[in-house]
C-alpha cells in the first residue's frame, strides 16, 4: 500500500550523517574531474585550431604574395611592362605551390596571365579593354582597398573548384590595376586530410555555408558530377553520414563547458559524436566552417577515467550521500511538481496543466490521484463552456443577464449533405472536428466566444462575457481568417456577421444553465449567413457577408465590397450588405 512519509524522512536524515564525513574526499573528486574537463576542453580547442591553421597556411601565402606583387609592380605606361610583369608573376607563381595561376589586369591596358602547367608555365597577354570579365573586375576594385577573396567557381581548365584572391593595385591613391590568384581547392582537401587532428581520431572538414562541402577526404581525388552550375557537392552527396547530420539532431555537450570553438553532440546510428567547428568569414560570403568531428568515446577517455576514480574513491561514504540525495529527491520532486501544476491550474489554462505521476508514497499518491481527478473534470468543463466564461467563473460569481451590443457570427458549410452523403460517419466527424478547430482558433484569437455548434455550423459572438472594445472589427478579422484557412480543405463555407443589441447571460434552470445570447440580432445574423446562398459563386471557397451595422462599427475596413440592399426573411426593412472580397481572405 506504499510507505509513510515519517519513516522515509528518518531514513533521509540517517543517510545525511555520512555526508559531513565525505566532504574532503568529495572536494578532491570535484577538483580532479574539473582538471580532466579542462584538459578535454583544451584538447578540443587545439584540434579545431589545427585544422583552421592548416587552412590558413594553405591560403594565406596567396594573400601575402598578391600583397607583395601589388607593391612591386612596374608602373611605366598603360601596359606597365608586360615582359617585366610576366617575369614577376612567373617568379611569384614558383614561390607559392598552392597558387595555380596569377594574373595582372591594368586599367586600360594589356592583361598578363601566368598559368602553372606540367611543363612549366603558360603565359597569356589579353587586351583587358575588350574582355567583359576583366572590365567587371576593374569596376569591382574601384571601391576596394587591399585584397579580398572573390567568388568560388568550377574551372573547366582545372576540372575542379577554385577560389579567387584579388588585390587592388593603387599608386598615389589611384587604381591602376588588379592582381589576382587562382587557388585549387582539391589541394586543400589533401592538406586537411593530412591534418594533425586525425592523430586524435578526428575527421576534418571545411564547409562553404551550411550545405556545401569545400574540403573533405572524399574530395582528395576527383569528385564526379561537379560543373560550373554545381561547383561543390552538398552534405548529402559526400558519402559521410556523420557529417551529413551536423546541423540536424544536435544536442549540447555540457561536459565540454566553454570553448572558443562552436560545439555540439549528436547520435548517429546510436553512436555519440562531437562536432567542433569555427566560422571563417574572411574567405567570403557565405562563410566557411572549419572543424572536425570525433567519436565521443575516442576523446573523452581521460574524463571518464577521472569520474571512475572519484566514484571508486568515495566508496561507502559516497553510497550514503547518494542514498540521502535520492530520498530527498523522492520527497521533493512530487512537491515541486504539484506546485508547478497548481500554478498552471491557477492561470486557468487547463490544457497546459499536466497530470501528476503516481507515487509509492501513500500521502503523495493520494494527493496526485485527487489532483488528477480535479484536472480531468476541469478539462471537460472547459470543453463544454467557453474559455472566457470559465476564467471569469473562476475569478468571480457568474455574470448576470444583461442587454448590450455585441457582434455575432454564424458559419455554415455549403452543400454539406451532398458532400457527406457517401462518407462513413467517422470521416464526417473527423472533417467537422478539423473545421471546427479552425473556427475555434480564429474566434479565440480575436477575443470572441464560441456559443454553440449547429450541425455543420457554428455560432460565436464578441463583447461578452468581458467587454471588448472594437468587437465588430475583431469579428470581421476572425471571419477573414476563417476564409483564408478554407483554401485546400475541400470545404465551401458561408459566414454571416451582424452587430446589434441582445440579451446575454445564463439561460436555463438551476441544474443546467447555458451562457448564450438571445434577441432579434441573432436571427438577423443567421439570415445574413443564409443570404450567402444567393451571393456565393460556384468557384468561391468562402462567402463572408456583414451588415452595414458591423461594417460601420468596424471603421469601414478595406477589402469589403458593397452588395446592396437585401430583404431578410422575417424582417420588414431591408439590410445593406457588404461582402469580403473573395481574394482578400486568401491573402491573410
Protein backbone atom coordinates (compact mmCIF):
# COMPACT_ATOMS: atom_id res chain seq x y z
CA UNK A 1 0.00 0.00 0.00
CA UNK A 2 3.03 2.31 -0.02
CA UNK A 3 5.25 3.87 2.58
CA UNK A 4 4.55 6.52 5.19
CA UNK A 5 6.37 9.83 4.94
CA UNK A 6 7.70 9.59 8.52
CA UNK A 7 9.93 6.51 8.03
CA UNK A 8 11.26 7.97 4.80
CA UNK A 9 12.25 11.22 6.49
CA UNK A 10 14.05 9.24 9.21
CA UNK A 11 15.96 7.28 6.56
CA UNK A 12 16.90 10.52 4.79
CA UNK A 13 18.33 12.01 7.99
CA UNK A 14 20.32 8.83 8.70
CA UNK A 15 21.78 8.96 5.20
CA UNK A 16 22.85 12.59 5.59
CA UNK A 17 25.02 11.74 8.62
CA UNK A 18 27.67 10.33 6.31
CA UNK A 19 27.73 13.45 4.14
CA UNK A 20 29.84 15.50 6.54
CA UNK A 21 32.45 12.73 6.68
CA UNK A 22 32.75 12.73 2.87
CA UNK A 23 33.24 16.48 2.29
CA UNK A 24 37.02 16.40 1.93
CA UNK A 25 37.02 13.42 -0.40
CA UNK A 26 34.19 14.89 -2.47
CA UNK A 27 36.12 18.13 -2.97
CA UNK A 28 39.11 16.15 -4.18
CA UNK A 29 36.95 14.29 -6.67
CA UNK A 30 35.43 17.52 -7.98
CA UNK A 31 38.84 19.10 -8.42
CA UNK A 32 40.14 16.03 -10.24
CA UNK A 33 37.10 15.92 -12.54
CA UNK A 34 37.42 19.65 -13.21
CA UNK A 35 41.06 19.21 -14.21
CA UNK A 36 40.12 16.42 -16.61
CA UNK A 37 37.38 18.56 -18.16
CA UNK A 38 39.77 21.49 -18.54
CA UNK A 39 42.28 19.22 -20.30
CA UNK A 40 39.49 17.94 -22.53
CA UNK A 41 38.43 21.49 -23.44
CA UNK A 42 41.99 22.50 -24.28
CA UNK A 43 42.35 19.39 -26.44
CA UNK A 44 39.11 20.16 -28.30
CA UNK A 45 40.10 23.77 -28.97
CA UNK A 46 43.52 22.61 -30.14
CA UNK A 47 42.02 20.22 -32.68
CA UNK A 48 39.88 22.94 -34.28
CA UNK A 49 42.82 25.33 -34.22
CA UNK A 50 44.99 22.76 -36.04
CA UNK A 51 42.52 22.45 -38.92
CA UNK A 52 41.93 26.22 -39.07
CA UNK A 53 45.67 26.89 -39.09
CA UNK A 54 46.29 24.44 -41.93
CA UNK A 55 43.53 26.06 -43.99
CA UNK A 56 45.13 29.45 -43.45
CA UNK A 57 48.61 28.10 -44.15
CA UNK A 58 47.29 26.86 -47.48
CA UNK A 59 45.52 30.10 -48.47
CA UNK A 60 47.35 32.90 -46.68
CA UNK A 61 50.51 32.63 -48.84
CA UNK A 62 48.36 33.59 -51.83
CA UNK A 63 47.24 36.73 -49.98
CA UNK A 64 50.79 37.60 -48.97
CA UNK A 65 52.11 37.03 -52.49
CA UNK A 66 49.47 39.29 -54.04
CA UNK A 67 50.22 41.99 -51.50
CA UNK A 68 53.89 41.80 -52.44
CA UNK A 69 53.16 41.85 -56.19
CA UNK A 70 50.87 44.88 -55.80
CA UNK A 71 53.70 46.80 -54.13
CA UNK A 72 56.50 45.98 -56.62
CA UNK A 73 54.63 46.01 -59.95
CA UNK A 74 56.30 48.29 -62.57
CA UNK A 75 54.24 51.38 -63.38
CA UNK A 76 55.71 52.62 -66.69
CA UNK A 77 52.91 53.04 -69.22
CA UNK A 78 49.40 51.61 -69.59
CA UNK A 79 50.74 48.13 -70.26
CA UNK A 80 53.24 48.62 -67.46
CA UNK A 81 56.00 46.49 -68.98
CA UNK A 82 54.24 43.25 -69.90
CA UNK A 83 57.55 41.41 -70.16
CA UNK A 84 58.67 42.51 -66.72
CA UNK A 85 55.18 41.76 -65.36
CA UNK A 86 55.42 38.26 -66.86
CA UNK A 87 58.77 37.70 -65.16
CA UNK A 88 57.42 38.96 -61.83
CA UNK A 89 54.30 36.77 -61.97
CA UNK A 90 56.28 33.72 -63.08
CA UNK A 91 58.66 34.08 -60.15
CA UNK A 92 55.81 34.62 -57.72
CA UNK A 93 53.99 31.55 -59.04
CA UNK A 94 57.08 29.42 -58.41
CA UNK A 95 57.27 30.66 -54.81
CA UNK A 96 53.72 29.56 -53.77
CA UNK A 97 52.78 25.99 -54.82
CA UNK A 98 49.14 26.49 -53.76
CA UNK A 99 48.62 29.13 -56.49
CA UNK A 100 47.61 27.66 -59.86
CA UNK A 101 47.53 30.92 -61.81
CA UNK A 102 48.39 34.60 -61.40
CA UNK A 103 47.02 37.50 -63.41
CA UNK A 104 47.56 41.23 -63.60
CA UNK A 105 44.83 43.36 -65.20
CA UNK A 106 45.88 47.00 -65.71
CA UNK A 107 43.31 49.76 -66.15
CA UNK A 108 43.03 50.30 -69.91
CA UNK A 109 45.98 48.05 -70.85
CA UNK A 110 47.15 44.54 -71.67
CA UNK A 111 46.47 41.88 -69.03
CA UNK A 112 49.10 39.24 -68.24
CA UNK A 113 48.06 35.74 -67.13
CA UNK A 114 50.55 33.10 -65.99
CA UNK A 115 49.21 29.52 -65.59
CA UNK A 116 51.05 26.65 -63.97
CA UNK A 117 51.36 23.61 -66.29
CA UNK A 118 53.06 20.23 -66.07
CA UNK A 119 55.78 21.51 -68.42
CA UNK A 120 56.29 24.80 -66.56
CA UNK A 121 54.21 27.91 -67.13
CA UNK A 122 51.89 29.21 -69.84
CA UNK A 123 51.86 33.00 -70.34
CA UNK A 124 48.96 34.83 -71.98
CA UNK A 125 48.53 38.51 -72.88
CA UNK A 126 44.94 39.73 -73.33
CA UNK A 127 43.58 43.17 -74.11
CA UNK A 128 41.66 43.96 -70.91
CA UNK A 129 39.71 46.68 -72.64
CA UNK A 130 37.89 44.08 -74.77
CA UNK A 131 37.21 41.50 -72.05
CA UNK A 132 33.94 41.89 -70.13
CA UNK A 133 35.07 39.80 -67.15
CA UNK A 134 38.25 41.82 -66.74
CA UNK A 135 36.37 45.10 -67.03
CA UNK A 136 33.99 43.86 -64.33
CA UNK A 137 36.98 43.00 -62.12
CA UNK A 138 38.38 46.51 -62.56
CA UNK A 139 34.98 48.01 -61.69
CA UNK A 140 34.74 45.86 -58.57
CA UNK A 141 38.17 47.01 -57.41
CA UNK A 142 37.32 50.71 -57.68
CA UNK A 143 35.67 50.71 -54.25
CA UNK A 144 38.14 48.37 -52.52
CA UNK A 145 41.41 48.73 -50.71
CA UNK A 146 43.95 45.92 -50.40
CA UNK A 147 42.98 42.30 -51.01
CA UNK A 148 39.79 40.24 -50.80
CA UNK A 149 38.57 36.75 -51.57
CA UNK A 150 36.28 36.72 -54.58
CA UNK A 151 33.85 34.17 -55.98
CA UNK A 152 34.23 30.38 -55.79
CA UNK A 153 33.73 28.77 -59.21
CA UNK A 154 34.21 25.50 -61.05
CA UNK A 155 37.04 25.94 -63.57
CA UNK A 156 36.87 23.57 -66.53
CA UNK A 157 40.54 24.29 -67.26
CA UNK A 158 41.48 22.66 -63.94
CA UNK A 159 38.49 20.28 -63.78
CA UNK A 160 37.63 21.35 -60.25
CA UNK A 161 36.52 24.18 -57.95
CA UNK A 162 38.83 27.14 -57.43
CA UNK A 163 38.76 30.23 -55.26
CA UNK A 164 39.99 33.63 -56.37
CA UNK A 165 42.05 36.10 -54.35
CA UNK A 166 42.23 39.64 -55.70
CA UNK A 167 44.20 42.71 -54.71
CA UNK A 168 43.73 46.30 -55.84
CA UNK A 169 46.90 47.98 -57.14
CA UNK A 170 46.99 51.70 -56.38
CA UNK A 171 49.56 54.43 -56.84
CA UNK A 172 49.05 57.75 -55.07
CA UNK A 173 45.51 56.65 -54.18
CA UNK A 174 44.57 55.96 -57.81
CA UNK A 175 43.60 52.47 -59.04
CA UNK A 176 46.00 51.33 -61.79
CA UNK A 177 45.04 47.67 -61.93
CA UNK A 178 44.08 44.43 -60.18
CA UNK A 179 46.26 41.43 -59.45
CA UNK A 180 44.61 38.07 -58.84
CA UNK A 181 45.45 34.48 -57.89
CA UNK A 182 43.63 31.20 -58.54
CA UNK A 183 43.92 28.55 -55.81
CA UNK A 184 42.74 24.98 -56.43
CA UNK A 185 40.52 23.66 -53.67
CA UNK A 186 41.27 19.99 -54.33
CA UNK A 187 44.68 20.53 -52.80
CA UNK A 188 43.01 21.90 -49.67
CA UNK A 189 41.32 18.52 -49.15
CA UNK A 190 44.73 16.84 -49.27
CA UNK A 191 46.07 19.35 -46.77
CA UNK A 192 43.37 18.81 -44.14
CA UNK A 193 43.37 15.05 -44.76
CA UNK A 194 46.95 15.11 -43.50
CA UNK A 195 45.89 17.29 -40.56
CA UNK A 196 47.28 16.61 -37.10
CA UNK A 197 43.66 16.41 -35.91
CA UNK A 198 43.49 12.93 -37.46
CA UNK A 199 46.03 11.78 -34.87
CA UNK A 200 43.36 12.48 -32.25
CA UNK A 201 40.79 10.40 -34.12
CA UNK A 202 39.20 13.42 -35.79
CA UNK A 203 37.63 13.73 -39.24
CA UNK A 204 38.41 17.26 -40.50
CA UNK A 205 36.18 19.15 -42.92
CA UNK A 206 35.63 22.57 -44.45
CA UNK A 207 32.08 23.66 -45.37
CA UNK A 208 31.04 26.60 -47.52
CA UNK A 209 27.92 27.85 -45.79
CA UNK A 210 25.88 25.20 -44.06
CA UNK A 211 25.12 22.99 -47.04
CA UNK A 212 28.17 22.54 -49.31
CA UNK A 213 31.39 20.63 -48.70
CA UNK A 214 34.52 22.51 -49.69
CA UNK A 215 37.25 20.20 -48.34
CA UNK A 216 36.98 16.59 -47.17
CA UNK A 217 38.81 13.30 -47.51
CA UNK A 218 36.30 12.28 -50.21
CA UNK A 219 37.37 15.29 -52.30
CA UNK A 220 41.08 14.42 -52.34
CA UNK A 221 40.53 12.60 -55.62
CA UNK A 222 38.29 13.77 -58.45
CA UNK A 223 34.66 14.02 -57.33
CA UNK A 224 32.17 13.23 -60.13
CA UNK A 225 29.23 15.39 -61.12
CA UNK A 226 30.70 18.83 -60.46
CA UNK A 227 30.24 21.60 -63.01
CA UNK A 228 30.08 25.40 -63.27
CA UNK A 229 26.44 25.18 -62.20
CA UNK A 230 27.37 22.93 -59.25
CA UNK A 231 30.96 23.65 -58.17
CA UNK A 232 30.70 21.84 -54.81
CA UNK A 233 28.88 18.73 -53.55
CA UNK A 234 26.34 19.14 -50.79
CA UNK A 235 26.29 17.33 -47.47
CA UNK A 236 24.07 14.51 -48.72
CA UNK A 237 26.35 13.66 -51.65
CA UNK A 238 29.68 13.33 -49.86
CA UNK A 239 29.05 9.76 -48.60
CA UNK A 240 29.73 10.74 -44.99
CA UNK A 241 26.61 10.04 -42.88
CA UNK A 242 28.11 11.62 -39.76
CA UNK A 243 28.98 14.93 -41.45
CA UNK A 244 25.60 14.91 -43.23
CA UNK A 245 23.87 15.24 -39.83
CA UNK A 246 25.98 18.12 -38.49
CA UNK A 247 23.02 20.54 -38.48
CA UNK A 248 20.31 18.02 -37.53
CA UNK A 249 19.53 16.07 -34.35
CA UNK A 250 22.07 18.14 -32.46
CA UNK A 251 22.24 18.47 -28.72
CA UNK A 252 24.52 20.32 -26.37
CA UNK A 253 27.71 18.84 -24.97
CA UNK A 254 27.64 20.17 -21.39
CA UNK A 255 30.69 18.17 -20.33
CA UNK A 256 32.84 20.45 -22.50
CA UNK A 257 31.97 23.73 -20.80
CA UNK A 258 33.00 26.90 -22.63
CA UNK A 259 35.04 26.56 -25.82
CA UNK A 260 36.45 29.09 -28.23
CA UNK A 261 35.08 26.82 -30.98
CA UNK A 262 31.41 26.03 -31.51
CA UNK A 263 30.44 22.53 -30.43
CA UNK A 264 27.51 20.22 -30.20
CA UNK A 265 26.91 16.49 -30.00
CA UNK A 266 24.65 14.14 -31.94
CA UNK A 267 23.87 10.43 -32.00
CA UNK A 268 24.39 8.89 -35.45
CA UNK A 269 23.14 5.31 -35.71
CA UNK A 270 23.32 5.08 -31.94
CA UNK A 271 26.96 6.26 -31.73
CA UNK A 272 27.62 9.62 -29.99
CA UNK A 273 29.72 12.09 -32.00
CA UNK A 274 31.09 15.51 -31.13
CA UNK A 275 31.25 18.29 -33.76
CA UNK A 276 33.78 21.07 -33.25
CA UNK A 277 33.92 23.90 -35.76
CA UNK A 278 34.64 27.59 -36.26
CA UNK A 279 33.28 30.10 -38.76
CA UNK A 280 35.87 31.78 -41.02
CA UNK A 281 34.02 34.71 -42.65
CA UNK A 282 37.22 36.19 -44.08
CA UNK A 283 37.05 33.84 -47.08
CA UNK A 284 33.82 35.32 -48.46
CA UNK A 285 30.08 35.01 -48.18
CA UNK A 286 28.67 32.55 -47.23
CA UNK A 287 31.28 31.96 -44.51
CA UNK A 288 33.43 28.85 -44.34
CA UNK A 289 33.04 26.45 -41.41
CA UNK A 290 36.28 24.71 -40.49
CA UNK A 291 36.46 21.90 -37.98
CA UNK A 292 36.35 18.18 -37.32
CA UNK A 293 34.06 15.60 -35.77
CA UNK A 294 35.03 12.84 -33.35
CA UNK A 295 33.59 9.83 -31.67
CA UNK A 296 32.97 10.90 -28.11
CA UNK A 297 34.44 7.61 -26.88
CA UNK A 298 37.73 8.38 -28.66
CA UNK A 299 38.40 11.69 -26.93
CA UNK A 300 36.60 11.51 -23.58
CA UNK A 301 38.69 8.72 -22.08
CA UNK A 302 40.52 10.99 -19.64
CA UNK A 303 37.29 12.48 -18.35
CA UNK A 304 35.73 9.06 -17.83
CA UNK A 305 38.84 7.87 -16.01
CA UNK A 306 38.66 10.80 -13.59
CA UNK A 307 34.98 10.18 -12.92
CA UNK A 308 35.51 6.45 -12.33
CA UNK A 309 38.41 7.13 -9.98
CA UNK A 310 36.28 9.55 -7.99
CA UNK A 311 33.38 7.12 -7.73
CA UNK A 312 35.70 4.33 -6.56
CA UNK A 313 37.36 6.65 -4.02
CA UNK A 314 34.11 7.67 -2.42
CA UNK A 315 33.25 4.06 -1.60
CA UNK A 316 30.89 3.51 1.25
CA UNK A 317 30.71 7.22 2.08
CA UNK A 318 29.51 8.02 -1.42
CA UNK A 319 26.77 5.42 -1.09
CA UNK A 320 25.39 7.18 1.98
CA UNK A 321 25.41 10.53 0.14
CA UNK A 322 23.65 9.07 -2.88
CA UNK A 323 21.00 7.46 -0.71
CA UNK A 324 20.34 10.75 1.05
CA UNK A 325 20.09 12.63 -2.25
CA UNK A 326 17.76 10.06 -3.79
CA UNK A 327 15.49 10.09 -0.78
CA UNK A 328 15.43 13.88 -0.71
CA UNK A 329 14.58 13.98 -4.40
CA UNK A 330 11.88 11.37 -3.95
CA UNK A 331 10.24 13.58 -1.38
CA UNK A 332 10.92 16.96 -3.00
CA UNK A 333 10.20 16.14 -6.66
CA UNK A 334 6.46 15.41 -6.23
CA UNK A 335 6.11 18.55 -4.10
CA UNK A 336 7.76 20.68 -6.80
CA UNK A 337 5.68 19.02 -9.48
CA UNK A 338 2.50 19.65 -7.54
CA UNK A 339 3.46 23.32 -7.02
CA UNK A 340 4.07 23.80 -10.75
CA UNK A 341 0.82 22.05 -11.65
CA UNK A 342 -1.12 24.13 -9.14
CA UNK A 343 0.41 27.32 -10.58
CA UNK A 344 -0.62 26.29 -14.10
CA UNK A 345 -4.09 25.50 -12.83
CA UNK A 346 -4.33 28.90 -11.15
CA UNK A 347 -3.65 30.52 -14.53
CA UNK A 348 -6.86 28.82 -15.77
CA UNK A 349 -5.19 27.29 -18.82
CA UNK A 350 -6.12 23.70 -18.18
CA UNK A 351 -4.54 22.45 -21.42
CA UNK A 352 -1.05 23.29 -20.10
CA UNK A 353 -1.50 21.61 -16.74
CA UNK A 354 -0.10 18.06 -16.73
CA UNK A 355 -1.43 15.16 -14.62
CA UNK A 356 0.69 14.29 -11.59
CA UNK A 357 2.54 10.95 -11.68
CA UNK A 358 1.56 8.22 -9.25
CA UNK A 359 3.82 7.69 -6.23
CA UNK A 360 4.67 4.78 -3.97
CA UNK A 361 4.45 7.16 -1.03
CA UNK A 362 0.89 6.85 0.23
CA UNK A 363 0.22 10.50 1.05
CA UNK A 364 1.75 11.77 -2.20
CA UNK A 365 -0.16 9.17 -4.23
CA UNK A 366 -3.46 10.23 -2.71
CA UNK A 367 -2.61 13.87 -3.44
CA UNK A 368 -1.79 13.06 -7.09
CA UNK A 369 -4.95 10.99 -7.53
CA UNK A 370 -7.18 13.79 -6.19
CA UNK A 371 -5.43 16.42 -8.30
CA UNK A 372 -5.75 14.36 -11.49
CA UNK A 373 -9.46 13.82 -10.95
CA UNK A 374 -9.91 17.57 -10.46
CA UNK A 375 -7.87 18.33 -13.59
CA UNK A 376 -9.91 15.88 -15.67
CA UNK A 377 -13.16 17.43 -14.50
CA UNK A 378 -11.94 20.96 -15.26
CA UNK A 379 -10.81 19.97 -18.77
CA UNK A 380 -14.23 18.53 -19.55
CA UNK A 381 -15.80 21.61 -18.03
CA UNK A 382 -13.67 23.85 -20.28
CA UNK A 383 -14.63 21.76 -23.34
CA UNK A 384 -18.34 22.42 -22.79
CA UNK A 385 -18.16 26.01 -21.56
CA UNK A 386 -16.49 28.94 -23.40
CA UNK A 387 -12.97 29.56 -22.09
CA UNK A 388 -13.60 33.23 -21.38
CA UNK A 389 -16.58 32.27 -19.24
CA UNK A 390 -14.54 29.58 -17.45
CA UNK A 391 -11.88 32.11 -16.48
CA UNK A 392 -14.49 34.60 -15.28
CA UNK A 393 -16.32 31.93 -13.26
CA UNK A 394 -13.02 31.02 -11.62
CA UNK A 395 -12.42 34.66 -10.65
CA UNK A 396 -15.90 35.82 -9.62
CA UNK A 397 -19.59 34.98 -9.48
CA UNK A 398 -21.46 34.07 -12.70
CA UNK A 399 -22.27 37.15 -14.79
CA UNK A 400 -25.88 38.33 -14.61
CA UNK A 401 -28.04 38.57 -17.70
CA UNK A 402 -27.91 42.00 -19.33
CA UNK A 403 -28.68 43.76 -22.56
CA UNK A 404 -25.70 45.01 -24.50
CA UNK A 405 -24.43 45.49 -28.04
CA UNK A 406 -22.47 42.52 -29.41
CA UNK A 407 -21.21 41.34 -32.75
CA UNK A 408 -22.48 37.90 -33.77
CA UNK A 409 -21.20 35.42 -36.35
CA UNK A 410 -22.83 32.37 -37.92
CA UNK A 411 -20.93 29.87 -40.11
CA UNK A 412 -22.27 27.06 -42.26
CA UNK A 413 -20.74 24.55 -44.68
CA UNK A 414 -22.31 24.90 -48.14
CA UNK A 415 -23.59 21.66 -49.67
CA UNK A 416 -22.76 19.65 -46.57
CA UNK A 417 -25.40 16.98 -47.12
CA UNK A 418 -24.29 16.32 -50.70
CA UNK A 419 -20.64 16.38 -49.69
CA UNK A 420 -21.02 13.81 -46.92
CA UNK A 421 -23.76 11.52 -48.18
CA UNK A 422 -21.29 8.82 -49.27
CA UNK A 423 -18.80 9.32 -46.40
CA UNK A 424 -18.56 6.95 -43.44
CA UNK A 425 -19.64 8.58 -40.16
CA UNK A 426 -16.11 8.58 -38.71
CA UNK A 427 -14.76 10.51 -41.67
CA UNK A 428 -17.61 13.04 -41.43
CA UNK A 429 -16.86 13.52 -37.72
CA UNK A 430 -13.11 13.97 -38.41
CA UNK A 431 -13.83 16.53 -41.14
CA UNK A 432 -16.19 18.52 -38.89
CA UNK A 433 -13.78 18.39 -35.94
CA UNK A 434 -10.92 19.72 -38.08
CA UNK A 435 -13.13 22.51 -39.45
CA UNK A 436 -14.46 23.49 -36.03
CA UNK A 437 -10.90 23.51 -34.65
CA UNK A 438 -10.03 26.18 -37.25
CA UNK A 439 -13.15 28.16 -36.32
CA UNK A 440 -12.40 27.95 -32.59
CA UNK A 441 -8.78 29.06 -33.06
CA UNK A 442 -9.85 32.06 -35.12
CA UNK A 443 -12.61 33.08 -32.69
CA UNK A 444 -10.49 32.77 -29.55
CA UNK A 445 -7.51 34.51 -31.21
CA UNK A 446 -9.69 37.60 -31.72
CA UNK A 447 -11.23 37.59 -28.23
CA UNK A 448 -14.56 36.01 -29.19
CA UNK A 449 -16.71 33.35 -27.53
CA UNK A 450 -17.93 30.20 -29.30
CA UNK A 451 -21.57 29.86 -28.24
CA UNK A 452 -22.60 26.57 -29.83
CA UNK A 453 -22.30 24.25 -32.82
CA UNK A 454 -25.36 23.83 -35.00
CA UNK A 455 -24.87 20.67 -37.05
CA UNK A 456 -22.22 21.70 -39.59
CA UNK A 457 -22.31 25.34 -38.50
CA UNK A 458 -21.15 27.39 -35.55
CA UNK A 459 -22.33 30.47 -33.66
CA UNK A 460 -19.95 32.89 -31.94
CA UNK A 461 -20.09 36.39 -30.51
CA UNK A 462 -17.75 39.18 -29.39
CA UNK A 463 -18.15 41.58 -26.46
CA UNK A 464 -19.19 39.14 -23.70
CA UNK A 465 -18.69 37.91 -21.04
CA UNK A 466 -15.89 40.52 -20.91
CA UNK A 467 -16.26 43.88 -22.63
CA UNK A 468 -14.29 44.04 -25.86
CA UNK A 469 -13.77 47.45 -27.43
CA UNK A 470 -13.75 47.11 -31.19
CA UNK A 471 -15.72 43.84 -31.15
CA UNK A 472 -17.06 44.49 -34.67
CA UNK A 473 -13.57 44.75 -36.16
CA UNK A 474 -12.45 41.68 -34.20
CA UNK A 475 -15.35 39.65 -35.63
CA UNK A 476 -14.55 40.73 -39.21
CA UNK A 477 -10.89 39.82 -38.72
CA UNK A 478 -11.96 36.41 -37.43
CA UNK A 479 -14.22 35.84 -40.45
CA UNK A 480 -11.37 36.80 -42.81
CA UNK A 481 -9.02 34.38 -41.02
CA UNK A 482 -11.52 31.53 -41.41
CA UNK A 483 -11.95 32.39 -45.10
CA UNK A 484 -8.20 32.29 -45.62
CA UNK A 485 -7.99 28.88 -43.93
CA UNK A 486 -10.51 27.29 -46.29
CA UNK A 487 -8.09 27.03 -49.22
CA UNK A 488 -7.16 23.41 -49.79
CA UNK A 489 -9.67 21.96 -47.31
CA UNK A 490 -12.23 20.96 -49.93
CA UNK A 491 -14.95 22.80 -47.99
CA UNK A 492 -17.07 25.78 -49.07
CA UNK A 493 -18.23 27.94 -46.18
CA UNK A 494 -20.78 30.74 -45.71
CA UNK A 495 -20.28 33.27 -42.91
CA UNK A 496 -22.65 35.97 -41.70
CA UNK A 497 -21.69 38.77 -39.30
CA UNK A 498 -24.00 41.35 -37.69
CA UNK A 499 -23.84 43.84 -34.80
CA UNK A 500 -26.85 44.58 -32.61
CA UNK A 501 -28.31 44.62 -29.13
CA UNK A 502 -29.07 41.27 -27.49
CA UNK A 503 -29.70 39.80 -24.07
CA UNK A 504 -26.64 37.93 -22.90
CA UNK A 505 -26.42 35.73 -19.81
CA UNK A 506 -27.39 32.41 -18.27
CA UNK A 507 -30.45 30.74 -19.74
CA UNK A 508 -31.96 27.54 -18.31
CA UNK A 509 -32.74 26.04 -14.95
CA UNK A 510 -30.64 25.89 -11.78
CA UNK A 511 -29.46 22.37 -12.63
CA UNK A 512 -28.45 23.19 -16.18
CA UNK A 513 -27.50 26.64 -17.44
CA UNK A 514 -26.28 27.79 -20.81
CA UNK A 515 -24.42 31.09 -21.23
CA UNK A 516 -25.82 32.40 -24.52
CA UNK A 517 -27.38 35.35 -26.30
CA UNK A 518 -30.99 35.99 -27.28
CA UNK A 519 -32.52 38.63 -29.48
CA UNK A 520 -33.53 39.77 -32.95
CA UNK A 521 -29.88 40.45 -33.83
CA UNK A 522 -29.18 36.71 -33.54
CA UNK A 523 -31.92 35.90 -36.05
CA UNK A 524 -30.72 38.68 -38.36
CA UNK A 525 -27.18 37.29 -38.32
CA UNK A 526 -28.40 33.84 -39.31
CA UNK A 527 -30.46 35.36 -42.16
CA UNK A 528 -27.35 37.18 -43.41
CA UNK A 529 -25.42 33.91 -43.43
CA UNK A 530 -28.27 32.23 -45.35
CA UNK A 531 -28.18 35.13 -47.85
CA UNK A 532 -24.84 33.71 -48.93
CA UNK A 533 -26.75 31.00 -50.82
CA UNK A 534 -27.79 33.68 -53.33
CA UNK A 535 -24.49 35.57 -53.48
CA UNK A 536 -21.88 32.80 -53.32
CA UNK A 537 -20.47 31.81 -56.72
CA UNK A 538 -19.65 28.25 -57.81
CA UNK A 539 -15.89 28.77 -57.63
CA UNK A 540 -15.85 30.53 -54.22
CA UNK A 541 -14.42 28.65 -51.25
CA UNK A 542 -15.92 31.10 -48.80
CA UNK A 543 -18.59 33.82 -48.81
CA UNK A 544 -18.34 36.28 -45.91
CA UNK A 545 -21.24 38.73 -45.56
CA UNK A 546 -21.58 41.51 -42.98
CA UNK A 547 -24.30 44.02 -42.24
CA UNK A 548 -23.76 47.76 -42.63
CA UNK A 549 -24.05 47.99 -38.82
CA UNK A 550 -20.96 45.81 -38.41
CA UNK A 551 -19.11 47.38 -41.33
CA UNK A 552 -19.62 50.90 -39.96
CA UNK A 553 -18.82 49.91 -36.36
CA UNK A 554 -15.56 48.31 -37.54
CA UNK A 555 -14.46 51.59 -39.13
CA UNK A 556 -15.20 50.62 -42.76
CA UNK A 557 -12.18 48.31 -43.16
CA UNK A 558 -10.59 47.73 -46.56
CA UNK A 559 -11.26 44.63 -48.58
CA UNK A 560 -15.06 44.72 -48.34
CA UNK A 561 -17.42 45.24 -51.29
CA UNK A 562 -20.92 46.74 -51.04
CA UNK A 563 -23.54 44.24 -52.28
CA UNK A 564 -26.58 46.48 -51.99
CA UNK A 565 -29.89 46.31 -50.12
CA UNK A 566 -31.42 42.90 -49.39
CA UNK A 567 -34.64 41.79 -47.76
CA UNK A 568 -34.02 39.40 -44.89
CA UNK A 569 -36.63 36.73 -44.20
CA UNK A 570 -38.84 37.66 -41.26
CA UNK A 571 -37.83 41.36 -41.26
CA UNK A 572 -39.80 44.27 -42.70
CA UNK A 573 -36.92 46.61 -43.50
CA UNK A 574 -34.08 45.90 -45.91
CA UNK A 575 -30.48 45.48 -44.88
CA UNK A 576 -27.33 46.87 -46.51
CA UNK A 577 -24.88 44.02 -47.02
CA UNK A 578 -21.12 44.06 -47.54
CA UNK A 579 -19.04 41.12 -48.75
CA UNK A 580 -15.39 40.33 -48.07
CA UNK A 581 -13.58 40.36 -51.42
CA UNK A 582 -13.05 36.67 -52.41
CA UNK A 583 -9.29 37.15 -52.77
CA UNK A 584 -8.90 39.19 -49.57
CA UNK A 585 -9.21 36.32 -47.11
CA UNK A 586 -6.83 34.15 -49.15
CA UNK A 587 -4.01 36.65 -48.64
CA UNK A 588 -4.17 36.52 -44.85
